[in-house]
PDB file of all heavy atoms in Angstrom:
ATOM      1  N   GLY A   1     105.304 122.982  97.169  1.00  0.00           N
ATOM      2  CA  GLY A   1     104.836 124.258  97.530  1.00  0.00           C
ATOM      3  C   GLY A   1     104.303 125.093  96.357  1.00  0.00           C
ATOM      4  O   GLY A   1     103.182 125.746  96.483  1.00  0.00           O
ATOM      5  N   ILE A   2     104.945 124.977  95.240  1.00  0.00           N
ATOM      6  CA  ILE A   2     104.495 125.690  94.060  1.00  0.00           C
ATOM      7  C   ILE A   2     103.219 125.093  93.527  1.00  0.00           C
ATOM      8  O   ILE A   2     102.230 125.781  93.024  1.00  0.00           O
ATOM      9  CB  ILE A   2     105.562 125.803  93.017  1.00  0.00           C
ATOM     10  CG1 ILE A   2     106.706 126.667  93.463  1.00  0.00           C
ATOM     11  CG2 ILE A   2     105.009 126.298  91.655  1.00  0.00           C
ATOM     12  CD1 ILE A   2     107.878 126.936  92.601  1.00  0.00           C
ATOM     13  N   ALA A   3     103.161 123.793  93.605  1.00  0.00           N
ATOM     14  CA  ALA A   3     101.937 123.051  93.200  1.00  0.00           C
ATOM     15  C   ALA A   3     100.750 123.586  94.062  1.00  0.00           C
ATOM     16  O   ALA A   3      99.582 123.732  93.562  1.00  0.00           O
ATOM     17  CB  ALA A   3     102.130 121.572  93.306  1.00  0.00           C
ATOM     18  N   LYS A   4     100.904 123.730  95.345  1.00  0.00           N
ATOM     19  CA  LYS A   4      99.849 124.077  96.197  1.00  0.00           C
ATOM     20  C   LYS A   4      99.374 125.608  95.903  1.00  0.00           C
ATOM     21  O   LYS A   4      98.133 125.930  95.889  1.00  0.00           O
ATOM     22  CB  LYS A   4     100.239 124.028  97.678  1.00  0.00           C
ATOM     23  CG  LYS A   4     100.274 122.552  98.262  1.00  0.00           C
ATOM     24  CD  LYS A   4     100.540 122.571  99.616  1.00  0.00           C
ATOM     25  CE  LYS A   4     100.563 121.189 100.205  1.00  0.00           C
ATOM     26  NZ  LYS A   4      99.245 120.459  99.993  1.00  0.00           N
ATOM     27  N   GLN A   5     100.372 126.422  95.625  1.00  0.00           N
ATOM     28  CA  GLN A   5     100.054 127.782  95.181  1.00  0.00           C
ATOM     29  C   GLN A   5      99.160 127.760  93.914  1.00  0.00           C
ATOM     30  O   GLN A   5      98.363 128.682  93.671  1.00  0.00           O
ATOM     31  CB  GLN A   5     101.353 128.566  94.898  1.00  0.00           C
ATOM     32  CG  GLN A   5     102.156 128.934  96.222  1.00  0.00           C
ATOM     33  CD  GLN A   5     103.488 129.544  95.855  1.00  0.00           C
ATOM     34  OE1 GLN A   5     103.608 130.223  94.837  1.00  0.00           O
ATOM     35  NE2 GLN A   5     104.363 129.530  96.730  1.00  0.00           N
ATOM     36  N   ALA A   6      99.386 126.844  93.031  1.00  0.00           N
ATOM     37  CA  ALA A   6      98.655 126.696  91.744  1.00  0.00           C
ATOM     38  C   ALA A   6      97.278 125.965  92.009  1.00  0.00           C
ATOM     39  O   ALA A   6      96.557 125.830  91.029  1.00  0.00           O
ATOM     40  CB  ALA A   6      99.446 125.999  90.750  1.00  0.00           C
ATOM     41  N   GLY A   7      96.982 125.540  93.247  1.00  0.00           N
ATOM     42  CA  GLY A   7      95.681 124.857  93.453  1.00  0.00           C
ATOM     43  C   GLY A   7      95.700 123.453  93.517  1.00  0.00           C
ATOM     44  O   GLY A   7      94.680 122.753  93.531  1.00  0.00           O
ATOM     45  N   PHE A   8      96.872 122.819  93.505  1.00  0.00           N
ATOM     46  CA  PHE A   8      96.979 121.337  93.451  1.00  0.00           C
ATOM     47  C   PHE A   8      97.556 120.804  94.743  1.00  0.00           C
ATOM     48  O   PHE A   8      98.391 121.432  95.326  1.00  0.00           O
ATOM     49  CB  PHE A   8      97.888 120.848  92.249  1.00  0.00           C
ATOM     50  CG  PHE A   8      97.347 121.283  90.972  1.00  0.00           C
ATOM     51  CD1 PHE A   8      97.966 122.278  90.282  1.00  0.00           C
ATOM     52  CD2 PHE A   8      96.330 120.595  90.357  1.00  0.00           C
ATOM     53  CE1 PHE A   8      97.600 122.676  88.979  1.00  0.00           C
ATOM     54  CE2 PHE A   8      95.915 121.009  89.080  1.00  0.00           C
ATOM     55  CZ  PHE A   8      96.500 122.003  88.383  1.00  0.00           C
ATOM     56  N   ASP A   9      96.984 119.652  95.254  1.00  0.00           N
ATOM     57  CA  ASP A   9      97.445 119.114  96.521  1.00  0.00           C
ATOM     58  C   ASP A   9      98.940 118.644  96.435  1.00  0.00           C
ATOM     59  O   ASP A   9      99.654 118.743  97.393  1.00  0.00           O
ATOM     60  CB  ASP A   9      96.573 117.974  96.996  1.00  0.00           C
ATOM     61  CG  ASP A   9      95.145 118.408  97.302  1.00  0.00           C
ATOM     62  OD1 ASP A   9      94.960 119.622  97.745  1.00  0.00           O
ATOM     63  OD2 ASP A   9      94.216 117.660  97.219  1.00  0.00           O
ATOM     64  N   ILE A  10      99.279 118.088  95.288  1.00  0.00           N
ATOM     65  CA  ILE A  10     100.581 117.598  95.044  1.00  0.00           C
ATOM     66  C   ILE A  10     100.968 118.008  93.637  1.00  0.00           C
ATOM     67  O   ILE A  10     100.161 118.371  92.841  1.00  0.00           O
ATOM     68  CB  ILE A  10     100.727 116.101  95.221  1.00  0.00           C
ATOM     69  CG1 ILE A  10      99.812 115.390  94.075  1.00  0.00           C
ATOM     70  CG2 ILE A  10     100.340 115.624  96.612  1.00  0.00           C
ATOM     71  CD1 ILE A  10     100.110 113.862  94.152  1.00  0.00           C
ATOM     72  N   PRO A  11     102.295 117.984  93.334  1.00  0.00           N
ATOM     73  CA  PRO A  11     102.657 118.315  91.919  1.00  0.00           C
ATOM     74  C   PRO A  11     102.025 117.383  90.931  1.00  0.00           C
ATOM     75  O   PRO A  11     101.833 116.165  91.153  1.00  0.00           O
ATOM     76  CB  PRO A  11     104.206 118.061  91.897  1.00  0.00           C
ATOM     77  CG  PRO A  11     104.622 118.302  93.381  1.00  0.00           C
ATOM     78  CD  PRO A  11     103.505 117.751  94.131  1.00  0.00           C
ATOM     79  N   ILE A  12     101.699 117.877  89.749  1.00  0.00           N
ATOM     80  CA  ILE A  12     101.053 117.174  88.697  1.00  0.00           C
ATOM     81  C   ILE A  12     102.096 116.759  87.590  1.00  0.00           C
ATOM     82  O   ILE A  12     103.055 117.322  87.420  1.00  0.00           O
ATOM     83  CB  ILE A  12      99.772 117.917  88.022  1.00  0.00           C
ATOM     84  CG1 ILE A  12     100.373 119.218  87.426  1.00  0.00           C
ATOM     85  CG2 ILE A  12      98.772 118.139  89.100  1.00  0.00           C
ATOM     86  CD1 ILE A  12      99.330 120.017  86.737  1.00  0.00           C
ATOM     87  N   LEU A  13     101.694 115.659  86.843  1.00  0.00           N
ATOM     88  CA  LEU A  13     102.554 115.214  85.752  1.00  0.00           C
ATOM     89  C   LEU A  13     102.447 116.203  84.605  1.00  0.00           C
ATOM     90  O   LEU A  13     101.388 116.821  84.305  1.00  0.00           O
ATOM     91  CB  LEU A  13     102.132 113.888  85.347  1.00  0.00           C
ATOM     92  CG  LEU A  13     102.961 113.105  84.327  1.00  0.00           C
ATOM     93  CD1 LEU A  13     104.345 112.888  84.865  1.00  0.00           C
ATOM     94  CD2 LEU A  13     102.301 111.810  83.862  1.00  0.00           C
ATOM     95  N   HIS A  14     103.545 116.339  83.892  1.00  0.00           N
ATOM     96  CA  HIS A  14     103.522 117.159  82.694  1.00  0.00           C
ATOM     97  C   HIS A  14     102.490 116.651  81.662  1.00  0.00           C
ATOM     98  O   HIS A  14     102.482 115.366  81.409  1.00  0.00           O
ATOM     99  CB  HIS A  14     104.887 117.128  81.986  1.00  0.00           C
ATOM    100  CG  HIS A  14     106.074 117.527  82.782  1.00  0.00           C
ATOM    101  ND1 HIS A  14     106.541 116.713  83.832  1.00  0.00           N
ATOM    102  CD2 HIS A  14     106.882 118.591  82.728  1.00  0.00           C
ATOM    103  CE1 HIS A  14     107.565 117.281  84.390  1.00  0.00           C
ATOM    104  NE2 HIS A  14     107.840 118.440  83.752  1.00  0.00           N
ATOM    105  N   GLY A  15     101.654 117.575  81.207  1.00  0.00           N
ATOM    106  CA  GLY A  15     100.653 117.123  80.095  1.00  0.00           C
ATOM    107  C   GLY A  15     101.400 116.444  78.964  1.00  0.00           C
ATOM    108  O   GLY A  15     100.909 115.474  78.357  1.00  0.00           O
ATOM    109  N   LEU A  16     102.513 116.988  78.569  1.00  0.00           N
ATOM    110  CA  LEU A  16     103.324 116.409  77.386  1.00  0.00           C
ATOM    111  C   LEU A  16     103.903 115.026  77.689  1.00  0.00           C
ATOM    112  O   LEU A  16     104.240 114.334  76.799  1.00  0.00           O
ATOM    113  CB  LEU A  16     104.332 117.410  76.953  1.00  0.00           C
ATOM    114  CG  LEU A  16     103.767 118.651  76.103  1.00  0.00           C
ATOM    115  CD1 LEU A  16     104.910 119.561  75.733  1.00  0.00           C
ATOM    116  CD2 LEU A  16     102.968 118.191  74.957  1.00  0.00           C
ATOM    117  N   CYS A  17     104.055 114.832  78.973  1.00  0.00           N
ATOM    118  CA  CYS A  17     104.486 113.434  79.304  1.00  0.00           C
ATOM    119  C   CYS A  17     103.397 112.423  79.038  1.00  0.00           C
ATOM    120  O   CYS A  17     103.566 111.317  78.496  1.00  0.00           O
ATOM    121  CB  CYS A  17     104.985 113.264  80.821  1.00  0.00           C
ATOM    122  SG  CYS A  17     105.588 111.743  81.352  1.00  0.00           S
ATOM    123  N   SER A  18     102.153 112.833  79.435  1.00  0.00           N
ATOM    124  CA  SER A  18     100.973 111.932  79.187  1.00  0.00           C
ATOM    125  C   SER A  18     100.777 111.818  77.726  1.00  0.00           C
ATOM    126  O   SER A  18     100.371 110.831  77.143  1.00  0.00           O
ATOM    127  CB  SER A  18      99.748 112.589  79.795  1.00  0.00           C
ATOM    128  OG  SER A  18      99.869 112.555  81.228  1.00  0.00           O
ATOM    129  N   TYR A  19     101.117 112.962  76.945  1.00  0.00           N
ATOM    130  CA  TYR A  19     100.992 112.882  75.457  1.00  0.00           C
ATOM    131  C   TYR A  19     101.924 111.836  74.941  1.00  0.00           C
ATOM    132  O   TYR A  19     101.542 111.039  74.048  1.00  0.00           O
ATOM    133  CB  TYR A  19     101.322 114.312  75.031  1.00  0.00           C
ATOM    134  CG  TYR A  19     101.461 114.542  73.512  1.00  0.00           C
ATOM    135  CD1 TYR A  19     100.333 114.518  72.625  1.00  0.00           C
ATOM    136  CD2 TYR A  19     102.606 114.845  72.898  1.00  0.00           C
ATOM    137  CE1 TYR A  19     100.328 114.848  71.364  1.00  0.00           C
ATOM    138  CE2 TYR A  19     102.716 115.184  71.539  1.00  0.00           C
ATOM    139  CZ  TYR A  19     101.612 115.094  70.755  1.00  0.00           C
ATOM    140  OH  TYR A  19     101.642 115.427  69.402  1.00  0.00           O
ATOM    141  N   GLY A  20     103.185 111.816  75.462  1.00  0.00           N
ATOM    142  CA  GLY A  20     104.100 110.876  74.990  1.00  0.00           C
ATOM    143  C   GLY A  20     103.765 109.392  75.388  1.00  0.00           C
ATOM    144  O   GLY A  20     103.905 108.499  74.607  1.00  0.00           O
ATOM    145  N   MET A  21     103.105 109.247  76.573  1.00  0.00           N
ATOM    146  CA  MET A  21     102.642 107.941  76.999  1.00  0.00           C
ATOM    147  C   MET A  21     101.500 107.378  76.116  1.00  0.00           C
ATOM    148  O   MET A  21     101.460 106.228  75.785  1.00  0.00           O
ATOM    149  CB  MET A  21     102.188 107.999  78.458  1.00  0.00           C
ATOM    150  CG  MET A  21     103.316 108.201  79.454  1.00  0.00           C
ATOM    151  SD  MET A  21     102.792 108.443  81.136  1.00  0.00           S
ATOM    152  CE  MET A  21     102.172 106.790  81.493  1.00  0.00           C
ATOM    153  N   ALA A  22     100.664 108.300  75.632  1.00  0.00           N
ATOM    154  CA  ALA A  22      99.617 107.937  74.764  1.00  0.00           C
ATOM    155  C   ALA A  22     100.197 107.463  73.420  1.00  0.00           C
ATOM    156  O   ALA A  22      99.823 106.452  72.749  1.00  0.00           O
ATOM    157  CB  ALA A  22      98.718 109.011  74.496  1.00  0.00           C
ATOM    158  N   CYS A  23     101.190 108.134  72.911  1.00  0.00           N
ATOM    159  CA  CYS A  23     102.039 107.722  71.722  1.00  0.00           C
ATOM    160  C   CYS A  23     102.584 106.394  71.871  1.00  0.00           C
ATOM    161  O   CYS A  23     102.485 105.516  71.015  1.00  0.00           O
ATOM    162  CB  CYS A  23     102.989 108.779  71.333  1.00  0.00           C
ATOM    163  SG  CYS A  23     103.909 108.495  69.812  1.00  0.00           S
ATOM    164  N   HIS A  24     103.127 106.170  72.974  1.00  0.00           N
ATOM    165  CA  HIS A  24     103.770 104.936  73.370  1.00  0.00           C
ATOM    166  C   HIS A  24     102.757 103.800  73.217  1.00  0.00           C
ATOM    167  O   HIS A  24     102.980 102.721  72.630  1.00  0.00           O
ATOM    168  CB  HIS A  24     104.291 104.951  74.813  1.00  0.00           C
ATOM    169  CG  HIS A  24     104.908 103.765  75.312  1.00  0.00           C
ATOM    170  ND1 HIS A  24     105.494 103.618  76.533  1.00  0.00           N
ATOM    171  CD2 HIS A  24     105.201 102.497  74.690  1.00  0.00           C
ATOM    172  CE1 HIS A  24     105.978 102.426  76.798  1.00  0.00           C
ATOM    173  NE2 HIS A  24     105.790 101.765  75.648  1.00  0.00           N
ATOM    174  N   ALA A  25     101.450 104.063  73.689  1.00  0.00           N
ATOM    175  CA  ALA A  25     100.515 102.982  73.769  1.00  0.00           C
ATOM    176  C   ALA A  25      99.977 102.727  72.343  1.00  0.00           C
ATOM    177  O   ALA A  25      99.746 101.568  71.995  1.00  0.00           O
ATOM    178  CB  ALA A  25      99.287 103.469  74.576  1.00  0.00           C
ATOM    179  N   VAL A  26      99.877 103.741  71.465  1.00  0.00           N
ATOM    180  CA  VAL A  26      99.503 103.575  70.131  1.00  0.00           C
ATOM    181  C   VAL A  26     100.554 102.845  69.349  1.00  0.00           C
ATOM    182  O   VAL A  26     100.229 101.820  68.601  1.00  0.00           O
ATOM    183  CB  VAL A  26      99.106 104.928  69.403  1.00  0.00           C
ATOM    184  CG1 VAL A  26      98.886 104.752  67.949  1.00  0.00           C
ATOM    185  CG2 VAL A  26      97.949 105.580  70.070  1.00  0.00           C
ATOM    186  N   LEU A  27     101.774 103.192  69.612  1.00  0.00           N
ATOM    187  CA  LEU A  27     102.822 102.433  68.873  1.00  0.00           C
ATOM    188  C   LEU A  27     102.807 100.941  69.248  1.00  0.00           C
ATOM    189  O   LEU A  27     102.992 100.042  68.396  1.00  0.00           O
ATOM    190  CB  LEU A  27     104.175 102.963  69.296  1.00  0.00           C
ATOM    191  CG  LEU A  27     104.616 104.360  68.576  1.00  0.00           C
ATOM    192  CD1 LEU A  27     105.851 104.859  69.262  1.00  0.00           C
ATOM    193  CD2 LEU A  27     104.796 104.133  67.116  1.00  0.00           C
ATOM    194  N   LYS A  28     102.700 100.672  70.625  1.00  0.00           N
ATOM    195  CA  LYS A  28     102.729  99.343  71.052  1.00  0.00           C
ATOM    196  C   LYS A  28     101.563  98.491  70.711  1.00  0.00           C
ATOM    197  O   LYS A  28     101.680  97.348  70.217  1.00  0.00           O
ATOM    198  CB  LYS A  28     102.796  99.414  72.653  1.00  0.00           C
ATOM    199  CG  LYS A  28     102.681  98.085  73.323  1.00  0.00           C
ATOM    200  CD  LYS A  28     102.705  98.300  74.928  1.00  0.00           C
ATOM    201  CE  LYS A  28     102.593  96.989  75.593  1.00  0.00           C
ATOM    202  NZ  LYS A  28     102.689  97.244  77.106  1.00  0.00           N
ATOM    203  N   THR A  29     100.373  99.083  70.722  1.00  0.00           N
ATOM    204  CA  THR A  29      99.056  98.261  70.483  1.00  0.00           C
ATOM    205  C   THR A  29      98.628  98.258  69.087  1.00  0.00           C
ATOM    206  O   THR A  29      98.117  97.228  68.552  1.00  0.00           O
ATOM    207  CB  THR A  29      97.967  98.949  71.407  1.00  0.00           C
ATOM    208  OG1 THR A  29      98.403  99.093  72.682  1.00  0.00           O
ATOM    209  CG2 THR A  29      96.730  98.056  71.284  1.00  0.00           C
ATOM    210  N   MET A  30      98.859  99.381  68.293  1.00  0.00           N
ATOM    211  CA  MET A  30      98.276  99.487  66.980  1.00  0.00           C
ATOM    212  C   MET A  30      99.282  99.368  65.863  1.00  0.00           C
ATOM    213  O   MET A  30      98.884  99.107  64.694  1.00  0.00           O
ATOM    214  CB  MET A  30      97.405 100.746  66.900  1.00  0.00           C
ATOM    215  CG  MET A  30      96.416 100.912  68.016  1.00  0.00           C
ATOM    216  SD  MET A  30      95.111  99.725  68.056  1.00  0.00           S
ATOM    217  CE  MET A  30      94.002 100.326  66.697  1.00  0.00           C
ATOM    218  N   LEU A  31     100.526  99.688  66.080  1.00  0.00           N
ATOM    219  CA  LEU A  31     101.510  99.871  65.080  1.00  0.00           C
ATOM    220  C   LEU A  31     102.675  98.832  65.136  1.00  0.00           C
ATOM    221  O   LEU A  31     103.687  99.067  64.468  1.00  0.00           O
ATOM    222  CB  LEU A  31     102.013 101.294  64.952  1.00  0.00           C
ATOM    223  CG  LEU A  31     100.950 102.328  64.716  1.00  0.00           C
ATOM    224  CD1 LEU A  31     101.555 103.732  64.611  1.00  0.00           C
ATOM    225  CD2 LEU A  31     100.211 102.012  63.379  1.00  0.00           C
ATOM    226  N   ASP A  32     102.611  97.963  66.177  1.00  0.00           N
ATOM    227  CA  ASP A  32     103.715  96.999  66.277  1.00  0.00           C
ATOM    228  C   ASP A  32     105.061  97.633  66.431  1.00  0.00           C
ATOM    229  O   ASP A  32     106.153  97.233  65.923  1.00  0.00           O
ATOM    230  CB  ASP A  32     103.772  95.958  65.089  1.00  0.00           C
ATOM    231  CG  ASP A  32     104.683  94.818  65.484  1.00  0.00           C
ATOM    232  OD1 ASP A  32     104.732  94.394  66.594  1.00  0.00           O
ATOM    233  OD2 ASP A  32     105.265  94.166  64.522  1.00  0.00           O
ATOM    234  N   TYR A  33     105.084  98.818  67.083  1.00  0.00           N
ATOM    235  CA  TYR A  33     106.252  99.635  67.433  1.00  0.00           C
ATOM    236  C   TYR A  33     106.974 100.207  66.200  1.00  0.00           C
ATOM    237  O   TYR A  33     108.069 100.689  66.216  1.00  0.00           O
ATOM    238  CB  TYR A  33     107.282  98.816  68.230  1.00  0.00           C
ATOM    239  CG  TYR A  33     106.904  98.628  69.683  1.00  0.00           C
ATOM    240  CD1 TYR A  33     106.268  97.452  70.086  1.00  0.00           C
ATOM    241  CD2 TYR A  33     107.169  99.632  70.577  1.00  0.00           C
ATOM    242  CE1 TYR A  33     106.027  97.261  71.349  1.00  0.00           C
ATOM    243  CE2 TYR A  33     106.866  99.390  71.929  1.00  0.00           C
ATOM    244  CZ  TYR A  33     106.258  98.269  72.381  1.00  0.00           C
ATOM    245  OH  TYR A  33     105.905  98.047  73.714  1.00  0.00           O
ATOM    246  N   ASP A  34     106.235 100.265  65.059  1.00  0.00           N
ATOM    247  CA  ASP A  34     106.771 100.931  63.818  1.00  0.00           C
ATOM    248  C   ASP A  34     106.460 102.448  63.759  1.00  0.00           C
ATOM    249  O   ASP A  34     105.340 102.787  63.254  1.00  0.00           O
ATOM    250  CB  ASP A  34     106.205 100.124  62.589  1.00  0.00           C
ATOM    251  CG  ASP A  34     106.866 100.663  61.284  1.00  0.00           C
ATOM    252  OD1 ASP A  34     107.754 101.591  61.339  1.00  0.00           O
ATOM    253  OD2 ASP A  34     106.501 100.193  60.247  1.00  0.00           O
ATOM    254  N   GLN A  35     107.405 103.153  64.244  1.00  0.00           N
ATOM    255  CA  GLN A  35     107.154 104.634  64.365  1.00  0.00           C
ATOM    256  C   GLN A  35     107.091 105.294  63.024  1.00  0.00           C
ATOM    257  O   GLN A  35     106.627 106.412  62.823  1.00  0.00           O
ATOM    258  CB  GLN A  35     108.189 105.298  65.220  1.00  0.00           C
ATOM    259  CG  GLN A  35     109.434 105.822  64.564  1.00  0.00           C
ATOM    260  CD  GLN A  35     110.490 104.700  64.141  1.00  0.00           C
ATOM    261  OE1 GLN A  35     110.082 103.482  64.134  1.00  0.00           O
ATOM    262  NE2 GLN A  35     111.628 105.079  63.575  1.00  0.00           N
ATOM    263  N   THR A  36     107.668 104.624  61.896  1.00  0.00           N
ATOM    264  CA  THR A  36     107.696 105.212  60.594  1.00  0.00           C
ATOM    265  C   THR A  36     106.296 105.293  60.014  1.00  0.00           C
ATOM    266  O   THR A  36     106.116 106.112  59.040  1.00  0.00           O
ATOM    267  CB  THR A  36     108.601 104.504  59.664  1.00  0.00           C
ATOM    268  OG1 THR A  36     108.011 103.032  59.410  1.00  0.00           O
ATOM    269  CG2 THR A  36     109.966 104.251  60.218  1.00  0.00           C
ATOM    270  N   ARG A  37     105.307 104.527  60.603  1.00  0.00           N
ATOM    271  CA  ARG A  37     104.021 104.715  59.986  1.00  0.00           C
ATOM    272  C   ARG A  37     103.210 105.881  60.513  1.00  0.00           C
ATOM    273  O   ARG A  37     102.107 106.225  59.967  1.00  0.00           O
ATOM    274  CB  ARG A  37     103.225 103.294  60.343  1.00  0.00           C
ATOM    275  CG  ARG A  37     103.648 102.167  59.747  1.00  0.00           C
ATOM    276  CD  ARG A  37     102.803 100.967  60.004  1.00  0.00           C
ATOM    277  NE  ARG A  37     101.466 101.246  59.459  1.00  0.00           N
ATOM    278  CZ  ARG A  37     100.367 100.566  59.730  1.00  0.00           C
ATOM    279  NH1 ARG A  37     100.510  99.643  60.731  1.00  0.00           N
ATOM    280  NH2 ARG A  37      99.251 100.860  59.200  1.00  0.00           N
ATOM    281  N   MET A  38     103.671 106.532  61.621  1.00  0.00           N
ATOM    282  CA  MET A  38     102.918 107.588  62.225  1.00  0.00           C
ATOM    283  C   MET A  38     103.241 108.856  61.508  1.00  0.00           C
ATOM    284  O   MET A  38     104.326 109.300  61.320  1.00  0.00           O
ATOM    285  CB  MET A  38     103.312 107.705  63.782  1.00  0.00           C
ATOM    286  CG  MET A  38     102.455 108.563  64.528  1.00  0.00           C
ATOM    287  SD  MET A  38     102.751 108.460  66.303  1.00  0.00           S
ATOM    288  CE  MET A  38     102.184 106.821  66.709  1.00  0.00           C
ATOM    289  N   LYS A  39     102.118 109.608  61.010  1.00  0.00           N
ATOM    290  CA  LYS A  39     102.272 110.803  60.274  1.00  0.00           C
ATOM    291  C   LYS A  39     101.746 112.038  61.038  1.00  0.00           C
ATOM    292  O   LYS A  39     102.020 113.160  60.798  1.00  0.00           O
ATOM    293  CB  LYS A  39     101.501 110.647  58.933  1.00  0.00           C
ATOM    294  CG  LYS A  39     101.933 109.462  58.189  1.00  0.00           C
ATOM    295  CD  LYS A  39     103.417 109.434  57.857  1.00  0.00           C
ATOM    296  CE  LYS A  39     103.727 108.219  56.963  1.00  0.00           C
ATOM    297  NZ  LYS A  39     105.233 108.148  56.761  1.00  0.00           N
ATOM    298  N   GLY A  40     100.900 111.761  62.094  1.00  0.00           N
ATOM    299  CA  GLY A  40     100.304 112.944  62.826  1.00  0.00           C
ATOM    300  C   GLY A  40      99.834 112.520  64.161  1.00  0.00           C
ATOM    301  O   GLY A  40      99.484 111.287  64.283  1.00  0.00           O
ATOM    302  N   PHE A  41      99.883 113.327  65.210  1.00  0.00           N
ATOM    303  CA  PHE A  41      99.432 112.876  66.530  1.00  0.00           C
ATOM    304  C   PHE A  41      98.903 114.181  67.253  1.00  0.00           C
ATOM    305  O   PHE A  41      99.611 115.080  67.646  1.00  0.00           O
ATOM    306  CB  PHE A  41     100.657 112.305  67.269  1.00  0.00           C
ATOM    307  CG  PHE A  41     100.167 111.365  68.459  1.00  0.00           C
ATOM    308  CD1 PHE A  41      99.749 110.072  68.155  1.00  0.00           C
ATOM    309  CD2 PHE A  41     100.248 111.754  69.746  1.00  0.00           C
ATOM    310  CE1 PHE A  41      99.338 109.270  69.126  1.00  0.00           C
ATOM    311  CE2 PHE A  41      99.771 111.017  70.747  1.00  0.00           C
ATOM    312  CZ  PHE A  41      99.438 109.714  70.500  1.00  0.00           C
ATOM    313  N   ASP A  42      97.593 114.240  67.371  1.00  0.00           N
ATOM    314  CA  ASP A  42      96.859 115.404  67.920  1.00  0.00           C
ATOM    315  C   ASP A  42      96.104 115.027  69.139  1.00  0.00           C
ATOM    316  O   ASP A  42      95.408 114.008  69.171  1.00  0.00           O
ATOM    317  CB  ASP A  42      95.972 116.114  66.869  1.00  0.00           C
ATOM    318  CG  ASP A  42      96.749 116.365  65.547  1.00  0.00           C
ATOM    319  OD1 ASP A  42      97.897 116.427  65.519  1.00  0.00           O
ATOM    320  OD2 ASP A  42      95.969 116.531  64.578  1.00  0.00           O
ATOM    321  N   VAL A  43      96.055 115.914  70.175  1.00  0.00           N
ATOM    322  CA  VAL A  43      95.219 115.685  71.316  1.00  0.00           C
ATOM    323  C   VAL A  43      94.677 116.955  71.877  1.00  0.00           C
ATOM    324  O   VAL A  43      95.167 118.124  71.551  1.00  0.00           O
ATOM    325  CB  VAL A  43      96.074 114.940  72.488  1.00  0.00           C
ATOM    326  CG1 VAL A  43      96.657 113.726  72.052  1.00  0.00           C
ATOM    327  CG2 VAL A  43      97.106 115.961  72.999  1.00  0.00           C
TER     328      VAL A  43
END
């Protein structure tokens, strides 16, 4: 109901959840899951 009041047909995913999923993808694909190499993450 609140999503419809805001103009969306259904509730939308948190933007910061997508932000975290992007970080997950970078860790997995480019850094071999080594989080200690990551110094910054901007979107």
